[in-house]
Amino acid sequence: MTDDDLRQRAHDLDVTVWVGKSGLDPVTDELRDQLDDRDLVKVKFLRAARGGTSTDELADDLADRASADLVETRGNTAVYH
């Protein structure tokens, strides 16, 4: 499956993981668990989580922590595979 296919499928996905003021630690295992059950997971980075960090930086960091592939970031949302 190509990245374009994944992006197209991700378009209609609902957000199932929210990153808030507690940061990435509490959601890393959750993302990993959800990726075990489904192909794509959409994550929303709330303003409290971002602080002075960009969504792209947080999304990359979360991908590394969860051993996931970052498909795309758009606005404050990221999609993982």
PDB file of N, CA and C in Angstrom:
ATOM      1  N   MET A   1       0.847  -1.181   0.000  1.00  0.00           N
ATOM      2  CA  MET A   1       0.000   0.000   0.000  1.00  0.00           C
ATOM      3  C   MET A   1       0.894   1.246   0.000  1.00  0.00           C
ATOM      4  N   THR A   2       0.602   2.177  -0.870  1.00  0.00           N
ATOM      5  CA  THR A   2       1.432   3.379  -0.980  1.00  0.00           C
ATOM      6  C   THR A   2       1.036   4.403   0.073  1.00  0.00           C
ATOM      7  N   ASP A   3       1.912   5.387   0.261  1.00  0.00           N
ATOM      8  CA  ASP A   3       1.604   6.479   1.190  1.00  0.00           C
ATOM      9  C   ASP A   3       0.339   7.220   0.761  1.00  0.00           C
ATOM     10  N   ASP A   4       0.152   7.386  -0.552  1.00  0.00           N
ATOM     11  CA  ASP A   4      -1.057   8.063  -1.044  1.00  0.00           C
ATOM     12  C   ASP A   4      -2.309   7.280  -0.662  1.00  0.00           C
ATOM     13  N   ASP A   5      -2.248   5.946  -0.771  1.00  0.00           N
ATOM     14  CA  ASP A   5      -3.387   5.114  -0.368  1.00  0.00           C
ATOM     15  C   ASP A   5      -3.676   5.291   1.117  1.00  0.00           C
ATOM     16  N   LEU A   6      -2.619   5.292   1.915  1.00  0.00           N
ATOM     17  CA  LEU A   6      -2.783   5.459   3.363  1.00  0.00           C
ATOM     18  C   LEU A   6      -3.371   6.824   3.693  1.00  0.00           C
ATOM     19  N   ARG A   7      -2.883   7.862   3.033  1.00  0.00           N
ATOM     20  CA  ARG A   7      -3.404   9.215   3.285  1.00  0.00           C
ATOM     21  C   ARG A   7      -4.879   9.307   2.929  1.00  0.00           C
ATOM     22  N   GLN A   8      -5.247   8.694   1.823  1.00  0.00           N
ATOM     23  CA  GLN A   8      -6.644   8.728   1.395  1.00  0.00           C
ATOM     24  C   GLN A   8      -7.536   8.009   2.405  1.00  0.00           C
ATOM     25  N   ARG A   9      -7.087   6.854   2.886  1.00  0.00           N
ATOM     26  CA  ARG A   9      -7.852   6.113   3.887  1.00  0.00           C
ATOM     27  C   ARG A   9      -7.919   6.872   5.207  1.00  0.00           C
ATOM     28  N   ALA A  10      -6.863   7.601   5.548  1.00  0.00           N
ATOM     29  CA  ALA A  10      -6.802   8.331   6.819  1.00  0.00           C
ATOM     30  C   ALA A  10      -7.760   9.514   6.847  1.00  0.00           C
ATOM     31  N   HIS A  11      -8.107  10.010   5.674  1.00  0.00           N
ATOM     32  CA  HIS A  11      -8.948  11.203   5.591  1.00  0.00           C
ATOM     33  C   HIS A  11     -10.248  11.048   6.378  1.00  0.00           C
ATOM     34  N   ASP A  12     -10.876   9.885   6.312  1.00  0.00           N
ATOM     35  CA  ASP A  12     -12.167   9.671   6.960  1.00  0.00           C
ATOM     36  C   ASP A  12     -12.066   9.098   8.367  1.00  0.00           C
ATOM     37  N   LEU A  13     -10.838   8.898   8.840  1.00  0.00           N
ATOM     38  CA  LEU A  13     -10.656   8.349  10.189  1.00  0.00           C
ATOM     39  C   LEU A  13     -11.034   9.358  11.263  1.00  0.00           C
ATOM     40  N   ASP A  14     -11.555   8.841  12.361  1.00  0.00           N
ATOM     41  CA  ASP A  14     -11.781   9.678  13.542  1.00  0.00           C
ATOM     42  C   ASP A  14     -10.526   9.647  14.409  1.00  0.00           C
ATOM     43  N   VAL A  15     -10.303  10.735  15.140  1.00  0.00           N
ATOM     44  CA  VAL A  15      -9.197  10.786  16.099  1.00  0.00           C
ATOM     45  C   VAL A  15      -9.516   9.828  17.242  1.00  0.00           C
ATOM     46  N   THR A  16      -8.556   8.959  17.581  1.00  0.00           N
ATOM     47  CA  THR A  16      -8.774   8.016  18.682  1.00  0.00           C
ATOM     48  C   THR A  16      -7.743   8.174  19.796  1.00  0.00           C
ATOM     49  N   VAL A  17      -6.729   9.028  19.571  1.00  0.00           N
ATOM     50  CA  VAL A  17      -5.723   9.299  20.601  1.00  0.00           C
ATOM     51  C   VAL A  17      -5.536  10.811  20.677  1.00  0.00           C
ATOM     52  N   TRP A  18      -5.601  11.341  21.902  1.00  0.00           N
ATOM     53  CA  TRP A  18      -5.380  12.761  22.113  1.00  0.00           C
ATOM     54  C   TRP A  18      -4.159  12.948  22.994  1.00  0.00           C
ATOM     55  N   VAL A  19      -3.261  13.831  22.573  1.00  0.00           N
ATOM     56  CA  VAL A  19      -2.074  14.152  23.370  1.00  0.00           C
ATOM     57  C   VAL A  19      -2.342  15.494  24.041  1.00  0.00           C
ATOM     58  N   GLY A  20      -2.335  15.496  25.372  1.00  0.00           N
ATOM     59  CA  GLY A  20      -2.629  16.706  26.129  1.00  0.00           C
ATOM     60  C   GLY A  20      -1.435  17.172  26.937  1.00  0.00           C
ATOM     61  N   LYS A  21      -1.726  17.847  28.047  1.00  0.00           N
ATOM     62  CA  LYS A  21      -0.665  18.470  28.838  1.00  0.00           C
ATOM     63  C   LYS A  21       0.268  17.462  29.487  1.00  0.00           C
ATOM     64  N   SER A  22      -0.156  16.200  29.581  1.00  0.00           N
ATOM     65  CA  SER A  22       0.715  15.171  30.166  1.00  0.00           C
ATOM     66  C   SER A  22       1.797  14.718  29.194  1.00  0.00           C
ATOM     67  N   GLY A  23       1.693  15.137  27.952  1.00  0.00           N
ATOM     68  CA  GLY A  23       2.739  14.832  26.977  1.00  0.00           C
ATOM     69  C   GLY A  23       2.588  13.472  26.319  1.00  0.00           C
ATOM     70  N   LEU A  24       3.707  12.979  25.800  1.00  0.00           N
ATOM     71  CA  LEU A  24       3.699  11.766  24.984  1.00  0.00           C
ATOM     72  C   LEU A  24       3.711  10.471  25.792  1.00  0.00           C
ATOM     73  N   ASP A  25       4.289  10.493  26.979  1.00  0.00           N
ATOM     74  CA  ASP A  25       4.433   9.250  27.751  1.00  0.00           C
ATOM     75  C   ASP A  25       3.125   8.485  27.937  1.00  0.00           C
ATOM     76  N   PRO A  26       2.032   9.158  28.356  1.00  0.00           N
ATOM     77  CA  PRO A  26       0.795   8.399  28.608  1.00  0.00           C
ATOM     78  C   PRO A  26       0.153   7.809  27.344  1.00  0.00           C
ATOM     79  N   VAL A  27       0.472   8.326  26.174  1.00  0.00           N
ATOM     80  CA  VAL A  27      -0.207   7.857  24.960  1.00  0.00           C
ATOM     81  C   VAL A  27       0.640   6.917  24.110  1.00  0.00           C
ATOM     82  N   THR A  28       1.911   6.759  24.447  1.00  0.00           N
ATOM     83  CA  THR A  28       2.790   5.916  23.632  1.00  0.00           C
ATOM     84  C   THR A  28       2.291   4.473  23.587  1.00  0.00           C
ATOM     85  N   ASP A  29       1.989   3.897  24.742  1.00  0.00           N
ATOM     86  CA  ASP A  29       1.494   2.518  24.786  1.00  0.00           C
ATOM     87  C   ASP A  29       0.121   2.410  24.127  1.00  0.00           C
ATOM     88  N   GLU A  30      -0.711   3.423  24.326  1.00  0.00           N
ATOM     89  CA  GLU A  30      -2.048   3.418  23.725  1.00  0.00           C
ATOM     90  C   GLU A  30      -1.958   3.392  22.199  1.00  0.00           C
ATOM     91  N   LEU A  31      -1.071   4.204  21.645  1.00  0.00           N
ATOM     92  CA  LEU A  31      -0.893   4.215  20.192  1.00  0.00           C
ATOM     93  C   LEU A  31      -0.419   2.841  19.714  1.00  0.00           C
ATOM     94  N   ARG A  32       0.551   2.281  20.413  1.00  0.00           N
ATOM     95  CA  ARG A  32       1.068   0.961  20.054  1.00  0.00           C
ATOM     96  C   ARG A  32      -0.051  -0.091  20.069  1.00  0.00           C
ATOM     97  N   ASP A  33      -0.877  -0.060  21.127  1.00  0.00           N
ATOM     98  CA  ASP A  33      -1.983  -1.016  21.253  1.00  0.00           C
ATOM     99  C   ASP A  33      -2.991  -0.848  20.119  1.00  0.00           C
ATOM    100  N   GLN A  34      -3.327   0.398  19.807  1.00  0.00           N
ATOM    101  CA  GLN A  34      -4.300   0.629  18.741  1.00  0.00           C
ATOM    102  C   GLN A  34      -3.758   0.197  17.385  1.00  0.00           C
ATOM    103  N   LEU A  35      -2.461   0.387  17.158  1.00  0.00           N
ATOM    104  CA  LEU A  35      -1.874  -0.036  15.885  1.00  0.00           C
ATOM    105  C   LEU A  35      -1.828  -1.563  15.770  1.00  0.00           C
ATOM    106  N   ASP A  36      -1.834  -2.266  16.905  1.00  0.00           N
ATOM    107  CA  ASP A  36      -1.921  -3.729  16.868  1.00  0.00           C
ATOM    108  C   ASP A  36      -3.292  -4.179  16.352  1.00  0.00           C
ATOM    109  N   ASP A  37      -4.317  -3.368  16.636  1.00  0.00           N
ATOM    110  CA  ASP A  37      -5.690  -3.725  16.283  1.00  0.00           C
ATOM    111  C   ASP A  37      -6.152  -3.175  14.940  1.00  0.00           C
ATOM    112  N   ARG A  38      -5.528  -2.106  14.484  1.00  0.00           N
ATOM    113  CA  ARG A  38      -5.969  -1.502  13.225  1.00  0.00           C
ATOM    114  C   ARG A  38      -4.778  -0.973  12.439  1.00  0.00           C
ATOM    115  N   ASP A  39      -5.027  -0.691  11.188  1.00  0.00           N
ATOM    116  CA  ASP A  39      -3.969  -0.319  10.260  1.00  0.00           C
ATOM    117  C   ASP A  39      -3.499   1.122  10.448  1.00  0.00           C
ATOM    118  N   LEU A  40      -4.446   2.016  10.686  1.00  0.00           N
ATOM    119  CA  LEU A  40      -4.137   3.443  10.807  1.00  0.00           C
ATOM    120  C   LEU A  40      -4.746   4.004  12.082  1.00  0.00           C
ATOM    121  N   VAL A  41      -4.020   4.940  12.705  1.00  0.00           N
ATOM    122  CA  VAL A  41      -4.517   5.618  13.906  1.00  0.00           C
ATOM    123  C   VAL A  41      -4.270   7.112  13.743  1.00  0.00           C
ATOM    124  N   LYS A  42      -5.302   7.897  14.047  1.00  0.00           N
ATOM    125  CA  LYS A  42      -5.192   9.350  13.957  1.00  0.00           C
ATOM    126  C   LYS A  42      -5.034   9.921  15.366  1.00  0.00           C
ATOM    127  N   VAL A  43      -4.045  10.795  15.524  1.00  0.00           N
ATOM    128  CA  VAL A  43      -3.707  11.377  16.826  1.00  0.00           C
ATOM    129  C   VAL A  43      -3.827  12.897  16.745  1.00  0.00           C
ATOM    130  N   LYS A  44      -4.472  13.487  17.739  1.00  0.00           N
ATOM    131  CA  LYS A  44      -4.624  14.944  17.805  1.00  0.00           C
ATOM    132  C   LYS A  44      -3.718  15.476  18.909  1.00  0.00           C
ATOM    133  N   PHE A  45      -2.930  16.492  18.567  1.00  0.00           N
ATOM    134  CA  PHE A  45      -2.054  17.140  19.543  1.00  0.00           C
ATOM    135  C   PHE A  45      -2.731  18.420  20.014  1.00  0.00           C
ATOM    136  N   LEU A  46      -3.204  18.405  21.258  1.00  0.00           N
ATOM    137  CA  LEU A  46      -3.888  19.568  21.816  1.00  0.00           C
ATOM    138  C   LEU A  46      -2.889  20.676  22.122  1.00  0.00           C
ATOM    139  N   ARG A  47      -3.381  21.888  22.211  1.00  0.00           N
ATOM    140  CA  ARG A  47      -2.511  23.051  22.428  1.00  0.00           C
ATOM    141  C   ARG A  47      -1.644  22.885  23.671  1.00  0.00           C
ATOM    142  N   ALA A  48      -2.210  22.308  24.725  1.00  0.00           N
ATOM    143  CA  ALA A  48      -1.466  22.126  25.975  1.00  0.00           C
ATOM    144  C   ALA A  48      -0.249  21.216  25.777  1.00  0.00           C
ATOM    145  N   ALA A  49      -0.332  20.288  24.836  1.00  0.00           N
ATOM    146  CA  ALA A  49       0.782  19.368  24.592  1.00  0.00           C
ATOM    147  C   ALA A  49       1.884  20.045  23.799  1.00  0.00           C
ATOM    148  N   ARG A  50       1.500  20.974  22.943  1.00  0.00           N
ATOM    149  CA  ARG A  50       2.482  21.553  22.028  1.00  0.00           C
ATOM    150  C   ARG A  50       3.435  22.512  22.710  1.00  0.00           C
ATOM    151  N   GLY A  51       2.937  23.338  23.600  1.00  0.00           N
ATOM    152  CA  GLY A  51       3.823  24.315  24.237  1.00  0.00           C
ATOM    153  C   GLY A  51       4.613  25.054  23.178  1.00  0.00           C
ATOM    154  N   GLY A  52       5.934  24.987  23.246  1.00  0.00           N
ATOM    155  CA  GLY A  52       6.777  25.643  22.253  1.00  0.00           C
ATOM    156  C   GLY A  52       7.246  24.705  21.162  1.00  0.00           C
ATOM    157  N   THR A  53       6.671  23.516  21.111  1.00  0.00           N
ATOM    158  CA  THR A  53       7.105  22.498  20.160  1.00  0.00           C
ATOM    159  C   THR A  53       6.108  22.410  19.007  1.00  0.00           C
ATOM    160  N   SER A  54       6.611  22.170  17.814  1.00  0.00           N
ATOM    161  CA  SER A  54       5.708  22.048  16.670  1.00  0.00           C
ATOM    162  C   SER A  54       5.038  20.679  16.661  1.00  0.00           C
ATOM    163  N   THR A  55       3.895  20.603  16.011  1.00  0.00           N
ATOM    164  CA  THR A  55       3.197  19.325  15.863  1.00  0.00           C
ATOM    165  C   THR A  55       4.080  18.327  15.134  1.00  0.00           C
ATOM    166  N   ASP A  56       4.813  18.786  14.118  1.00  0.00           N
ATOM    167  CA  ASP A  56       5.689  17.885  13.362  1.00  0.00           C
ATOM    168  C   ASP A  56       6.737  17.239  14.269  1.00  0.00           C
ATOM    169  N   GLU A  57       7.332  18.053  15.149  1.00  0.00           N
ATOM    170  CA  GLU A  57       8.347  17.518  16.069  1.00  0.00           C
ATOM    171  C   GLU A  57       7.741  16.498  17.025  1.00  0.00           C
ATOM    172  N   LEU A  58       6.570  16.828  17.591  1.00  0.00           N
ATOM    173  CA  LEU A  58       5.902  15.901  18.504  1.00  0.00           C
ATOM    174  C   LEU A  58       5.504  14.619  17.784  1.00  0.00           C
ATOM    175  N   ALA A  59       5.005  14.753  16.564  1.00  0.00           N
ATOM    176  CA  ALA A  59       4.570  13.591  15.789  1.00  0.00           C
ATOM    177  C   ALA A  59       5.746  12.664  15.498  1.00  0.00           C
ATOM    178  N   ASP A  60       6.883  13.238  15.127  1.00  0.00           N
ATOM    179  CA  ASP A  60       8.088  12.437  14.879  1.00  0.00           C
ATOM    180  C   ASP A  60       8.543  11.725  16.153  1.00  0.00           C
ATOM    181  N   ASP A  61       8.525  12.451  17.266  1.00  0.00           N
ATOM    182  CA  ASP A  61       8.951  11.895  18.549  1.00  0.00           C
ATOM    183  C   ASP A  61       8.044  10.728  18.951  1.00  0.00           C
ATOM    184  N   LEU A  62       6.729  10.910  18.790  1.00  0.00           N
ATOM    185  CA  LEU A  62       5.785   9.851  19.144  1.00  0.00           C
ATOM    186  C   LEU A  62       5.970   8.631  18.235  1.00  0.00           C
ATOM    187  N   ALA A  63       6.235   8.857  16.969  1.00  0.00           N
ATOM    188  CA  ALA A  63       6.478   7.743  16.038  1.00  0.00           C
ATOM    189  C   ALA A  63       7.681   6.927  16.503  1.00  0.00           C
ATOM    190  N   ASP A  64       8.745   7.608  16.895  1.00  0.00           N
ATOM    191  CA  ASP A  64       9.945   6.913  17.380  1.00  0.00           C
ATOM    192  C   ASP A  64       9.636   6.105  18.643  1.00  0.00           C
ATOM    193  N   ARG A  65       8.931   6.726  19.572  1.00  0.00           N
ATOM    194  CA  ARG A  65       8.635   6.064  20.850  1.00  0.00           C
ATOM    195  C   ARG A  65       7.749   4.836  20.662  1.00  0.00           C
ATOM    196  N   ALA A  66       6.790   4.927  19.735  1.00  0.00           N
ATOM    197  CA  ALA A  66       5.827   3.837  19.552  1.00  0.00           C
ATOM    198  C   ALA A  66       6.263   2.859  18.457  1.00  0.00           C
ATOM    199  N   SER A  67       7.434   3.104  17.865  1.00  0.00           N
ATOM    200  CA  SER A  67       7.913   2.286  16.749  1.00  0.00           C
ATOM    201  C   SER A  67       6.866   2.210  15.642  1.00  0.00           C
ATOM    202  N   ALA A  68       6.290   3.373  15.324  1.00  0.00           N
ATOM    203  CA  ALA A  68       5.243   3.467  14.305  1.00  0.00           C
ATOM    204  C   ALA A  68       5.757   4.271  13.117  1.00  0.00           C
ATOM    205  N   ASP A  69       5.078   4.115  11.996  1.00  0.00           N
ATOM    206  CA  ASP A  69       5.391   4.914  10.815  1.00  0.00           C
ATOM    207  C   ASP A  69       4.465   6.114  10.785  1.00  0.00           C
ATOM    208  N   LEU A  70       5.038   7.303  10.667  1.00  0.00           N
ATOM    209  CA  LEU A  70       4.250   8.521  10.538  1.00  0.00           C
ATOM    210  C   LEU A  70       3.849   8.662   9.075  1.00  0.00           C
ATOM    211  N   VAL A  71       2.546   8.613   8.806  1.00  0.00           N
ATOM    212  CA  VAL A  71       2.051   8.721   7.433  1.00  0.00           C
ATOM    213  C   VAL A  71       2.004  10.183   7.007  1.00  0.00           C
ATOM    214  N   GLU A  72       1.423  11.039   7.863  1.00  0.00           N
ATOM    215  CA  GLU A  72       1.351  12.463   7.549  1.00  0.00           C
ATOM    216  C   GLU A  72       0.972  13.253   8.791  1.00  0.00           C
ATOM    217  N   THR A  73       1.282  14.545   8.743  1.00  0.00           N
ATOM    218  CA  THR A  73       0.740  15.475   9.728  1.00  0.00           C
ATOM    219  C   THR A  73      -0.015  16.538   8.949  1.00  0.00           C
ATOM    220  N   ARG A  74      -1.129  16.953   9.523  1.00  0.00           N
ATOM    221  CA  ARG A  74      -1.925  18.017   8.917  1.00  0.00           C
ATOM    222  C   ARG A  74      -2.518  18.827  10.049  1.00  0.00           C
ATOM    223  N   GLY A  75      -2.162  20.097  10.114  1.00  0.00           N
ATOM    224  CA  GLY A  75      -2.622  20.925  11.232  1.00  0.00           C
ATOM    225  C   GLY A  75      -2.040  20.377  12.522  1.00  0.00           C
ATOM    226  N   ASN A  76      -2.897  20.078  13.469  1.00  0.00           N
ATOM    227  CA  ASN A  76      -2.450  19.531  14.758  1.00  0.00           C
ATOM    228  C   ASN A  76      -2.764  18.048  14.890  1.00  0.00           C
ATOM    229  N   THR A  77      -2.893  17.391  13.736  1.00  0.00           N
ATOM    230  CA  THR A  77      -3.261  15.976  13.716  1.00  0.00           C
ATOM    231  C   THR A  77      -2.188  15.193  12.951  1.00  0.00           C
ATOM    232  N   ALA A  78      -1.928  13.980  13.431  1.00  0.00           N
ATOM    233  CA  ALA A  78      -0.974  13.098  12.758  1.00  0.00           C
ATOM    234  C   ALA A  78      -1.626  11.739  12.542  1.00  0.00           C
ATOM    235  N   VAL A  79      -1.193  11.068  11.489  1.00  0.00           N
ATOM    236  CA  VAL A  79      -1.705   9.720  11.197  1.00  0.00           C
ATOM    237  C   VAL A  79      -0.528   8.757  11.232  1.00  0.00           C
ATOM    238  N   TYR A  80      -0.723   7.635  11.926  1.00  0.00           N
ATOM    239  CA  TYR A  80       0.331   6.626  12.086  1.00  0.00           C
ATOM    240  C   TYR A  80      -0.115   5.302  11.486  1.00  0.00           C
ATOM    241  N   HIS A  81       0.899   4.538  11.049  1.00  0.00           N
ATOM    242  CA  HIS A  81       0.667   3.227  10.435  1.00  0.00           C
ATOM    243  C   HIS A  81       1.601   2.232  11.114  1.00  0.00           C
TER     244      HIS A  81
END
